[in-house]
Amino acid sequence: MSGSGNSGYESRRVSMNPDPREALGRILPELRRGSVVLLPADTIYGLSCRWDSQRGRDRIQALKGPGRLSMFVALVSSREMVFQYAESPGAEGLRILDEQWPGPVTVVLRARPQAAPEFCLSSDGTVAFRWPRSPFLQELVRDLGVPLVSTSANRTGEGHATTASGAWDLFGAGIDLYVDGGTLAGPASTLLDLTGDHPHLLRLGGALPGGELPGPPPNGATRK
């Protein structure tokens, strides 16, 4: 157990009840200074920082533990924000975005030259983006003005925390702020690669109803 008592947790806890927007006044200053924050995403809790904070990303990497890839999802507040940093996919990819966003679907896109911080890019120059369904997260990212890192609240190879207090048991004072959104035990987001001529399904998870998702790549490859 990484925590050191309930009093430490309560001093870092922010409740989303009764009005989630009231929490923004405490969360935004932390994110602006590069802090690491536990946030309720569409289906599970995630560890987050502003995406252009290399120190924040390094702290999240250390919290996740060895063996975790350094590439994380970037949460955005609109499609317009995505395309500030990424190239548009083809017609099939755009159709999927029309049908599935906002929602628990993460897409891998080719980064625009010089648009994203170098440490945000994978080795092949791509970034994974998600436009969350949560109005709270949309408003948070919009007010922050830059995408928000998100990765599941767990240590590498272990199950993810389903409550904010459960995340405290895992990470304790390693996280600066715990945003308590109740119990979240859904699947991870569906992950799609939209960089090629045809979309590839890399991981099946949560998705909105309506529209067919592409099948997996022929070799069965996956991407974490």
C-alpha atoms as a PDB file:
ATOM      1  CA  MET A   1       0.000   0.000   0.000  1.00  0.00           C
ATOM      2  CA  SER A   2       1.526   3.284  -1.095  1.00  0.00           C
ATOM      3  CA  GLY A   3      -0.770   5.540   0.984  1.00  0.00           C
ATOM      4  CA  SER A   4      -0.001   6.651   4.540  1.00  0.00           C
ATOM      5  CA  GLY A   5      -3.428   7.096   6.122  1.00  0.00           C
ATOM      6  CA  ASN A   6      -6.867   8.350   5.236  1.00  0.00           C
ATOM      7  CA  SER A   7      -6.104  11.944   6.266  1.00  0.00           C
ATOM      8  CA  GLY A   8      -3.585  12.225   3.436  1.00  0.00           C
ATOM      9  CA  TYR A   9      -6.157  10.981   0.959  1.00  0.00           C
ATOM     10  CA  GLU A  10      -8.873  13.351   2.168  1.00  0.00           C
ATOM     11  CA  SER A  11      -6.564  16.359   1.812  1.00  0.00           C
ATOM     12  CA  ARG A  12      -6.008  15.470  -1.853  1.00  0.00           C
ATOM     13  CA  ARG A  13      -9.549  14.339  -2.668  1.00  0.00           C
ATOM     14  CA  VAL A  14     -11.905  16.426  -4.831  1.00  0.00           C
ATOM     15  CA  SER A  15     -15.535  15.324  -5.068  1.00  0.00           C
ATOM     16  CA  MET A  16     -17.522  15.690  -8.286  1.00  0.00           C
ATOM     17  CA  ASN A  17     -20.803  15.828  -6.343  1.00  0.00           C
ATOM     18  CA  PRO A  18     -23.198  17.523  -6.515  1.00  0.00           C
ATOM     19  CA  ASP A  19     -21.885  19.688  -9.407  1.00  0.00           C
ATOM     20  CA  PRO A  20     -18.749  18.422 -11.223  1.00  0.00           C
ATOM     21  CA  ARG A  21     -18.027  21.937 -12.522  1.00  0.00           C
ATOM     22  CA  GLU A  22     -17.341  23.128  -8.991  1.00  0.00           C
ATOM     23  CA  ALA A  23     -14.292  20.852  -8.942  1.00  0.00           C
ATOM     24  CA  LEU A  24     -12.691  22.611 -11.908  1.00  0.00           C
ATOM     25  CA  GLY A  25     -11.479  25.505  -9.773  1.00  0.00           C
ATOM     26  CA  ARG A  26      -9.215  23.174  -7.823  1.00  0.00           C
ATOM     27  CA  ILE A  27      -8.219  20.833 -10.653  1.00  0.00           C
ATOM     28  CA  LEU A  28      -7.188  23.356 -13.314  1.00  0.00           C
ATOM     29  CA  PRO A  29      -4.444  25.105 -11.285  1.00  0.00           C
ATOM     30  CA  GLU A  30      -2.902  21.714 -10.517  1.00  0.00           C
ATOM     31  CA  LEU A  31      -2.890  20.692 -14.181  1.00  0.00           C
ATOM     32  CA  ARG A  32      -1.528  24.061 -15.300  1.00  0.00           C
ATOM     33  CA  ARG A  33       1.483  23.655 -13.030  1.00  0.00           C
ATOM     34  CA  GLY A  34       2.191  20.160 -14.369  1.00  0.00           C
ATOM     35  CA  SER A  35       0.769  18.101 -11.489  1.00  0.00           C
ATOM     36  CA  VAL A  36      -0.400  14.496 -11.787  1.00  0.00           C
ATOM     37  CA  VAL A  37      -4.150  14.086 -11.203  1.00  0.00           C
ATOM     38  CA  LEU A  38      -6.427  11.046 -10.968  1.00  0.00           C
ATOM     39  CA  LEU A  39      -9.472  11.687 -13.171  1.00  0.00           C
ATOM     40  CA  PRO A  40     -12.653   9.708 -13.894  1.00  0.00           C
ATOM     41  CA  ALA A  41     -12.724   9.048 -17.641  1.00  0.00           C
ATOM     42  CA  ASP A  42     -15.625   7.639 -19.672  1.00  0.00           C
ATOM     43  CA  THR A  43     -15.248   4.077 -18.405  1.00  0.00           C
ATOM     44  CA  ILE A  44     -12.310   3.856 -15.935  1.00  0.00           C
ATOM     45  CA  TYR A  45     -10.073   6.064 -13.806  1.00  0.00           C
ATOM     46  CA  GLY A  46      -6.987   7.497 -15.465  1.00  0.00           C
ATOM     47  CA  LEU A  47      -3.707   9.093 -14.409  1.00  0.00           C
ATOM     48  CA  SER A  48      -3.438  12.481 -16.108  1.00  0.00           C
ATOM     49  CA  CYS A  49      -1.270  15.552 -16.592  1.00  0.00           C
ATOM     50  CA  ARG A  50      -1.131  18.217 -19.278  1.00  0.00           C
ATOM     51  CA  TRP A  51       0.341  16.535 -22.345  1.00  0.00           C
ATOM     52  CA  ASP A  52       3.138  19.081 -22.822  1.00  0.00           C
ATOM     53  CA  SER A  53       4.572  18.506 -19.332  1.00  0.00           C
ATOM     54  CA  GLN A  54       7.486  16.129 -19.734  1.00  0.00           C
ATOM     55  CA  ARG A  55       8.021  16.036 -15.980  1.00  0.00           C
ATOM     56  CA  GLY A  56       4.381  15.061 -15.436  1.00  0.00           C
ATOM     57  CA  ARG A  57       4.589  12.332 -18.062  1.00  0.00           C
ATOM     58  CA  ASP A  58       7.799  10.995 -16.502  1.00  0.00           C
ATOM     59  CA  ARG A  59       6.115  10.865 -13.098  1.00  0.00           C
ATOM     60  CA  ILE A  60       3.181   8.912 -14.550  1.00  0.00           C
ATOM     61  CA  GLN A  61       5.611   6.545 -16.241  1.00  0.00           C
ATOM     62  CA  ALA A  62       7.304   5.916 -12.888  1.00  0.00           C
ATOM     63  CA  LEU A  63       3.937   5.344 -11.175  1.00  0.00           C
ATOM     64  CA  LYS A  64       2.929   2.789 -13.802  1.00  0.00           C
ATOM     65  CA  GLY A  65       6.186   0.910 -13.279  1.00  0.00           C
ATOM     66  CA  PRO A  66       8.663  -0.861 -15.579  1.00  0.00           C
ATOM     67  CA  GLY A  67       7.502  -2.459 -18.792  1.00  0.00           C
ATOM     68  CA  ARG A  68       4.905   0.198 -19.617  1.00  0.00           C
ATOM     69  CA  LEU A  69       5.251   1.873 -23.013  1.00  0.00           C
ATOM     70  CA  SER A  70       5.785   5.631 -22.716  1.00  0.00           C
ATOM     71  CA  MET A  71       2.989   6.446 -25.183  1.00  0.00           C
ATOM     72  CA  PHE A  72      -0.231   7.578 -23.510  1.00  0.00           C
ATOM     73  CA  VAL A  73      -3.634   8.674 -24.795  1.00  0.00           C
ATOM     74  CA  ALA A  74      -4.197  12.415 -25.356  1.00  0.00           C
ATOM     75  CA  LEU A  75      -7.694  13.587 -24.359  1.00  0.00           C
ATOM     76  CA  VAL A  76      -9.109  16.460 -26.422  1.00  0.00           C
ATOM     77  CA  SER A  77     -12.171  18.698 -26.201  1.00  0.00           C
ATOM     78  CA  SER A  78     -13.104  18.668 -29.908  1.00  0.00           C
ATOM     79  CA  ARG A  79     -12.135  17.345 -33.312  1.00  0.00           C
ATOM     80  CA  GLU A  80     -10.715  20.788 -34.077  1.00  0.00           C
ATOM     81  CA  MET A  81      -8.227  20.350 -31.231  1.00  0.00           C
ATOM     82  CA  VAL A  82      -7.157  16.959 -32.607  1.00  0.00           C
ATOM     83  CA  PHE A  83      -6.416  18.355 -36.031  1.00  0.00           C
ATOM     84  CA  GLN A  84      -4.245  21.119 -34.591  1.00  0.00           C
ATOM     85  CA  TYR A  85      -1.761  18.332 -33.882  1.00  0.00           C
ATOM     86  CA  ALA A  86      -2.643  15.428 -36.188  1.00  0.00           C
ATOM     87  CA  GLU A  87      -3.211  14.749 -39.863  1.00  0.00           C
ATOM     88  CA  SER A  88      -6.762  13.930 -40.900  1.00  0.00           C
ATOM     89  CA  PRO A  89      -7.420  10.227 -41.569  1.00  0.00           C
ATOM     90  CA  GLY A  90      -8.980   8.949 -44.781  1.00  0.00           C
ATOM     91  CA  ALA A  91     -12.683   8.778 -45.551  1.00  0.00           C
ATOM     92  CA  GLU A  92     -13.224   5.544 -43.577  1.00  0.00           C
ATOM     93  CA  GLY A  93     -11.464   6.977 -40.552  1.00  0.00           C
ATOM     94  CA  LEU A  94     -13.513  10.183 -40.692  1.00  0.00           C
ATOM     95  CA  ARG A  95     -16.706   8.130 -40.864  1.00  0.00           C
ATOM     96  CA  ILE A  96     -15.686   6.304 -37.687  1.00  0.00           C
ATOM     97  CA  LEU A  97     -14.974   9.590 -35.913  1.00  0.00           C
ATOM     98  CA  ASP A  98     -18.393  10.895 -36.997  1.00  0.00           C
ATOM     99  CA  GLU A  99     -20.099   7.805 -35.572  1.00  0.00           C
ATOM    100  CA  GLN A 100     -18.047   7.122 -32.447  1.00  0.00           C
ATOM    101  CA  TRP A 101     -16.885  10.504 -31.106  1.00  0.00           C
ATOM    102  CA  PRO A 102     -17.272  11.788 -28.496  1.00  0.00           C
ATOM    103  CA  GLY A 103     -17.025   8.482 -26.648  1.00  0.00           C
ATOM    104  CA  PRO A 104     -14.711   5.720 -25.397  1.00  0.00           C
ATOM    105  CA  VAL A 105     -12.897   5.193 -28.718  1.00  0.00           C
ATOM    106  CA  THR A 106      -9.189   6.036 -28.992  1.00  0.00           C
ATOM    107  CA  VAL A 107      -7.653   6.572 -32.428  1.00  0.00           C
ATOM    108  CA  VAL A 108      -4.019   6.550 -33.508  1.00  0.00           C
ATOM    109  CA  LEU A 109      -3.262   9.363 -35.967  1.00  0.00           C
ATOM    110  CA  ARG A 110      -0.173  10.661 -37.767  1.00  0.00           C
ATOM    111  CA  ALA A 111       1.159  13.808 -36.070  1.00  0.00           C
ATOM    112  CA  ARG A 112       1.453  17.031 -38.053  1.00  0.00           C
ATOM    113  CA  PRO A 113       5.094  18.131 -38.552  1.00  0.00           C
ATOM    114  CA  GLN A 114       6.363  20.272 -35.663  1.00  0.00           C
ATOM    115  CA  ALA A 115       2.860  20.485 -34.141  1.00  0.00           C
ATOM    116  CA  ALA A 116       3.195  18.204 -31.105  1.00  0.00           C
ATOM    117  CA  PRO A 117       5.930  18.054 -28.455  1.00  0.00           C
ATOM    118  CA  GLU A 118       8.566  15.536 -29.497  1.00  0.00           C
ATOM    119  CA  PHE A 119       8.164  13.522 -26.283  1.00  0.00           C
ATOM    120  CA  CYS A 120       4.449  13.039 -27.058  1.00  0.00           C
ATOM    121  CA  LEU A 121       5.176  11.108 -30.247  1.00  0.00           C
ATOM    122  CA  SER A 122       5.661   7.393 -30.737  1.00  0.00           C
ATOM    123  CA  SER A 123       8.733   6.185 -32.590  1.00  0.00           C
ATOM    124  CA  ASP A 124       6.734   6.205 -35.848  1.00  0.00           C
ATOM    125  CA  GLY A 125       5.455   9.777 -35.384  1.00  0.00           C
ATOM    126  CA  THR A 126       1.923   8.941 -34.245  1.00  0.00           C
ATOM    127  CA  VAL A 127      -0.262  10.041 -31.326  1.00  0.00           C
ATOM    128  CA  ALA A 128      -3.312   8.336 -29.780  1.00  0.00           C
ATOM    129  CA  PHE A 129      -6.276  10.702 -29.233  1.00  0.00           C
ATOM    130  CA  ARG A 130      -9.673  10.385 -27.589  1.00  0.00           C
ATOM    131  CA  TRP A 131     -12.533  12.889 -27.426  1.00  0.00           C
ATOM    132  CA  PRO A 132     -14.292  11.812 -24.218  1.00  0.00           C
ATOM    133  CA  ARG A 133     -18.057  11.741 -23.880  1.00  0.00           C
ATOM    134  CA  SER A 134     -17.924  13.256 -20.373  1.00  0.00           C
ATOM    135  CA  PRO A 135     -18.988  16.951 -20.410  1.00  0.00           C
ATOM    136  CA  PHE A 136     -16.805  17.435 -17.320  1.00  0.00           C
ATOM    137  CA  LEU A 137     -13.678  16.219 -19.137  1.00  0.00           C
ATOM    138  CA  GLN A 138     -14.538  18.195 -22.264  1.00  0.00           C
ATOM    139  CA  GLU A 139     -14.833  21.389 -20.215  1.00  0.00           C
ATOM    140  CA  LEU A 140     -11.645  20.594 -18.297  1.00  0.00           C
ATOM    141  CA  VAL A 141      -9.573  20.109 -21.459  1.00  0.00           C
ATOM    142  CA  ARG A 142     -11.149  23.118 -23.162  1.00  0.00           C
ATOM    143  CA  ASP A 143     -10.302  25.364 -20.205  1.00  0.00           C
ATOM    144  CA  LEU A 144      -6.789  23.906 -19.952  1.00  0.00           C
ATOM    145  CA  GLY A 145      -6.221  24.720 -23.628  1.00  0.00           C
ATOM    146  CA  VAL A 146      -4.049  21.693 -24.457  1.00  0.00           C
ATOM    147  CA  PRO A 147      -4.692  17.934 -24.580  1.00  0.00           C
ATOM    148  CA  LEU A 148      -4.573  15.935 -21.380  1.00  0.00           C
ATOM    149  CA  VAL A 149      -2.557  12.751 -20.886  1.00  0.00           C
ATOM    150  CA  SER A 150      -4.628   9.760 -19.823  1.00  0.00           C
ATOM    151  CA  THR A 151      -3.563   6.223 -18.943  1.00  0.00           C
ATOM    152  CA  SER A 152      -5.341   3.652 -16.800  1.00  0.00           C
ATOM    153  CA  ALA A 153      -4.863   3.948 -13.028  1.00  0.00           C
ATOM    154  CA  ASN A 154      -2.931   0.762 -12.423  1.00  0.00           C
ATOM    155  CA  ARG A 155       0.571  -0.589 -12.199  1.00  0.00           C
ATOM    156  CA  THR A 156       1.834  -2.396 -15.272  1.00  0.00           C
ATOM    157  CA  GLY A 157       0.267  -5.832 -15.597  1.00  0.00           C
ATOM    158  CA  GLU A 158      -2.230  -5.331 -12.750  1.00  0.00           C
ATOM    159  CA  GLY A 159      -5.937  -4.487 -12.611  1.00  0.00           C
ATOM    160  CA  HIS A 160      -6.965  -0.825 -12.620  1.00  0.00           C
ATOM    161  CA  ALA A 161      -8.395   1.029  -9.638  1.00  0.00           C
ATOM    162  CA  THR A 162     -12.184   1.262  -9.726  1.00  0.00           C
ATOM    163  CA  THR A 163     -12.468   3.992  -7.055  1.00  0.00           C
ATOM    164  CA  ALA A 164     -10.442   7.062  -6.122  1.00  0.00           C
ATOM    165  CA  SER A 165      -9.697   5.582  -2.684  1.00  0.00           C
ATOM    166  CA  GLY A 166      -8.511   2.389  -4.392  1.00  0.00           C
ATOM    167  CA  ALA A 167      -6.105   4.456  -6.478  1.00  0.00           C
ATOM    168  CA  TRP A 168      -4.818   6.057  -3.260  1.00  0.00           C
ATOM    169  CA  ASP A 169      -4.054   2.565  -1.958  1.00  0.00           C
ATOM    170  CA  LEU A 170      -1.916   2.025  -5.065  1.00  0.00           C
ATOM    171  CA  PHE A 171      -0.210   5.384  -5.498  1.00  0.00           C
ATOM    172  CA  GLY A 172      -0.632   7.406  -2.308  1.00  0.00           C
ATOM    173  CA  ALA A 173       1.174  10.755  -2.327  1.00  0.00           C
ATOM    174  CA  GLY A 174       2.588   9.998  -5.778  1.00  0.00           C
ATOM    175  CA  ILE A 175      -0.590  11.614  -7.165  1.00  0.00           C
ATOM    176  CA  ASP A 176      -1.185  15.280  -6.376  1.00  0.00           C
ATOM    177  CA  LEU A 177      -4.982  15.296  -6.620  1.00  0.00           C
ATOM    178  CA  TYR A 178      -7.651  12.578  -6.556  1.00  0.00           C
ATOM    179  CA  VAL A 179     -10.908  13.459  -8.329  1.00  0.00           C
ATOM    180  CA  ASP A 180     -13.595  11.187  -6.896  1.00  0.00           C
ATOM    181  CA  GLY A 181     -16.268  10.241  -9.433  1.00  0.00           C
ATOM    182  CA  GLY A 182     -17.613   7.161  -7.632  1.00  0.00           C
ATOM    183  CA  THR A 183     -17.095   3.596  -8.845  1.00  0.00           C
ATOM    184  CA  LEU A 184     -15.896   3.089 -12.432  1.00  0.00           C
ATOM    185  CA  ALA A 185     -15.448  -0.496 -13.537  1.00  0.00           C
ATOM    186  CA  GLY A 186     -16.055  -0.385 -17.282  1.00  0.00           C
ATOM    187  CA  PRO A 187     -13.802  -1.695 -20.055  1.00  0.00           C
ATOM    188  CA  ALA A 188     -10.904   0.297 -21.439  1.00  0.00           C
ATOM    189  CA  SER A 189     -11.548   2.301 -24.608  1.00  0.00           C
ATOM    190  CA  THR A 190     -11.607   0.683 -28.029  1.00  0.00           C
ATOM    191  CA  LEU A 191      -8.331   1.412 -29.834  1.00  0.00           C
ATOM    192  CA  LEU A 192      -8.185   1.981 -33.601  1.00  0.00           C
ATOM    193  CA  ASP A 193      -5.251   2.722 -35.888  1.00  0.00           C
ATOM    194  CA  LEU A 194      -6.373   5.255 -38.521  1.00  0.00           C
ATOM    195  CA  THR A 195      -2.951   5.967 -40.043  1.00  0.00           C
ATOM    196  CA  GLY A 196      -3.225   3.570 -42.964  1.00  0.00           C
ATOM    197  CA  ASP A 197      -5.462   3.269 -45.995  1.00  0.00           C
ATOM    198  CA  HIS A 198      -7.942   1.238 -43.941  1.00  0.00           C
ATOM    199  CA  PRO A 199      -8.668   1.433 -40.195  1.00  0.00           C
ATOM    200  CA  HIS A 200      -7.332  -1.394 -38.028  1.00  0.00           C
ATOM    201  CA  LEU A 201      -8.839  -2.516 -34.734  1.00  0.00           C
ATOM    202  CA  LEU A 202      -6.043  -2.839 -32.163  1.00  0.00           C
ATOM    203  CA  ARG A 203      -8.092  -3.352 -28.997  1.00  0.00           C
ATOM    204  CA  LEU A 204     -11.810  -3.941 -28.470  1.00  0.00           C
ATOM    205  CA  GLY A 205     -13.256  -2.119 -25.471  1.00  0.00           C
ATOM    206  CA  GLY A 206     -15.972   0.433 -24.818  1.00  0.00           C
ATOM    207  CA  ALA A 207     -17.691   1.914 -27.884  1.00  0.00           C
ATOM    208  CA  LEU A 208     -20.831   3.874 -28.599  1.00  0.00           C
ATOM    209  CA  PRO A 209     -23.734   2.119 -30.343  1.00  0.00           C
ATOM    210  CA  GLY A 210     -24.140   2.574 -34.061  1.00  0.00           C
ATOM    211  CA  GLY A 211     -21.779   1.943 -36.948  1.00  0.00           C
ATOM    212  CA  GLU A 212     -19.460  -0.991 -37.531  1.00  0.00           C
ATOM    213  CA  LEU A 213     -15.897  -0.966 -36.288  1.00  0.00           C
ATOM    214  CA  PRO A 214     -13.194  -2.424 -38.534  1.00  0.00           C
ATOM    215  CA  GLY A 215     -11.885  -5.910 -37.942  1.00  0.00           C
ATOM    216  CA  PRO A 216      -8.454  -6.649 -36.498  1.00  0.00           C
ATOM    217  CA  PRO A 217      -5.340  -6.489 -38.696  1.00  0.00           C
ATOM    218  CA  PRO A 218      -4.639  -9.746 -40.528  1.00  0.00           C
ATOM    219  CA  ASN A 219      -1.593 -10.613 -38.381  1.00  0.00           C
ATOM    220  CA  GLY A 220      -3.519 -10.121 -35.135  1.00  0.00           C
ATOM    221  CA  ALA A 221      -1.149  -7.387 -33.974  1.00  0.00           C
ATOM    222  CA  THR A 222      -2.074  -5.314 -30.950  1.00  0.00           C
ATOM    223  CA  ARG A 223      -0.847  -2.066 -29.528  1.00  0.00           C
ATOM    224  CA  LYS A 224      -0.903  -1.180 -25.835  1.00  0.00           C
END
